[in-house]
Protein backbone atom coordinates (compact mmCIF):
# COMPACT_ATOMS: atom_id res chain seq x y z
CA MET A 1 -118.83 -137.82 23.31
CA ALA A 2 -119.42 -141.19 24.50
CA PHE A 3 -116.94 -143.95 23.72
CA ASN A 4 -118.31 -147.39 22.66
CA HIS A 5 -115.84 -150.04 23.69
CA ASP A 6 -117.50 -152.65 21.53
CA ASP A 7 -117.09 -151.36 18.14
CA GLY A 8 -114.70 -148.55 18.78
CA LEU A 9 -116.96 -145.63 17.53
CA PHE A 10 -117.24 -142.36 19.11
CA ILE A 11 -120.97 -141.37 19.50
CA ALA A 12 -121.80 -137.63 20.16
CA THR A 13 -124.40 -137.65 22.71
CA ASP A 14 -124.57 -134.05 23.68
CA PHE A 15 -122.50 -131.07 22.37
CA ARG A 16 -121.57 -129.68 25.88
CA SER A 17 -120.55 -133.25 27.22
CA ALA A 18 -118.41 -133.61 23.69
CA ALA A 19 -116.83 -130.42 24.62
CA LEU A 20 -115.79 -131.29 27.99
CA GLU A 21 -114.60 -134.67 27.03
CA GLU A 22 -112.31 -133.25 24.17
CA ARG A 23 -111.26 -130.84 26.75
CA ALA A 24 -110.42 -133.38 29.43
CA GLU A 25 -108.64 -135.63 26.47
CA ALA A 26 -106.43 -132.72 25.64
CA ILE A 27 -105.52 -131.83 29.35
CA HIS A 28 -104.64 -135.70 29.97
CA GLY A 29 -102.53 -135.57 26.64
CA ALA A 30 -100.67 -132.64 27.77
CA ILE A 31 -100.00 -134.14 31.08
CA ALA A 32 -98.81 -137.43 29.80
CA GLU A 33 -96.41 -135.32 27.47
CA LEU A 34 -94.89 -133.56 30.74
CA LEU A 35 -94.80 -136.89 32.36
CA ALA A 36 -92.96 -138.36 29.52
CA GLY A 37 -90.13 -135.84 29.92
CA GLN A 38 -91.10 -133.16 27.35
CA ARG A 39 -90.23 -129.87 28.78
CA VAL A 40 -92.91 -127.65 27.41
CA THR A 41 -96.52 -128.66 25.95
CA ARG A 42 -99.05 -126.58 24.26
CA LEU A 43 -102.79 -126.92 25.13
CA THR A 44 -105.41 -125.30 22.83
CA ILE A 45 -108.83 -125.09 24.38
CA ALA A 46 -111.60 -123.13 22.56
CA GLY A 47 -109.02 -121.92 20.10
CA LYS A 48 -106.86 -120.37 22.95
CA SER A 49 -103.25 -121.90 23.12
CA ILE A 50 -101.43 -121.97 26.40
CA GLU A 51 -98.14 -123.43 27.23
CA TYR A 52 -97.34 -125.35 30.04
CA GLY A 53 -94.22 -126.40 31.36
CA GLN A 54 -92.96 -129.02 34.08
CA ALA A 55 -93.44 -126.62 36.90
CA ASP A 56 -97.08 -126.34 35.76
CA LEU A 57 -97.83 -130.05 36.22
CA VAL A 58 -99.97 -129.73 39.29
CA ALA A 59 -102.10 -127.02 38.05
CA LEU A 60 -102.80 -129.02 34.97
CA GLN A 61 -103.85 -131.95 37.17
CA LYS A 62 -106.05 -129.85 38.85
CA LEU A 63 -107.59 -128.59 35.63
CA GLU A 64 -108.08 -132.06 34.54
CA ALA A 65 -109.82 -133.02 37.84
CA ASP A 66 -112.13 -129.96 37.57
CA THR A 67 -112.86 -130.66 34.09
CA LEU A 68 -113.86 -134.25 34.86
CA ALA A 69 -115.85 -133.34 37.90
CA GLU A 70 -117.77 -130.74 35.60
CA LEU A 71 -118.56 -133.52 33.05
CA ARG A 72 -119.77 -135.79 35.68
CA ARG A 73 -122.08 -133.11 36.96
CA TYR A 74 -123.34 -132.43 33.41
CA GLN A 75 -124.01 -135.95 32.90
CA GLY A 76 -125.93 -136.21 36.16
CA LEU A 77 -123.43 -138.84 37.60
CA TYR A 78 -123.44 -137.09 40.83
CA PRO A 79 -125.16 -133.58 41.83
CA SER A 80 -123.39 -130.43 41.98
CA TYR A 81 -124.62 -129.65 45.51
CA LYS A 82 -123.14 -130.79 48.66
CA CYS A 83 -125.30 -131.73 51.62
CA LEU A 84 -124.26 -131.77 55.26
CA ARG A 85 -126.35 -133.37 58.06
CA ALA A 86 -125.85 -132.35 61.44
CA SER A 87 -127.66 -133.15 64.77
CA THR A 88 -127.18 -132.15 68.26
CA SER A 89 -127.69 -134.29 71.35
CA LYS A 90 -131.40 -132.87 71.85
CA GLY A 91 -132.40 -133.77 68.48
CA PHE A 92 -132.45 -130.60 66.64
């Protein structure tokens, strides 16, 4: 879902995009709870609940980064492929 800052409305642009944004928001909330000092937090994604503790903070942060990257790729904000250009001194 895309958030419209002007009037505060959520507008569903695409189901997949909305699902990824909801997942990212849930993960961000779980990270915030752990950073606030809560010892254990529960994260529910696609009907499955998983409990995370303080020791899992790095894993949650990586999950959030991966989810946001997937969302950006899906929305076309950057391509899903990487290109490396190399050249030699002889021009090959």
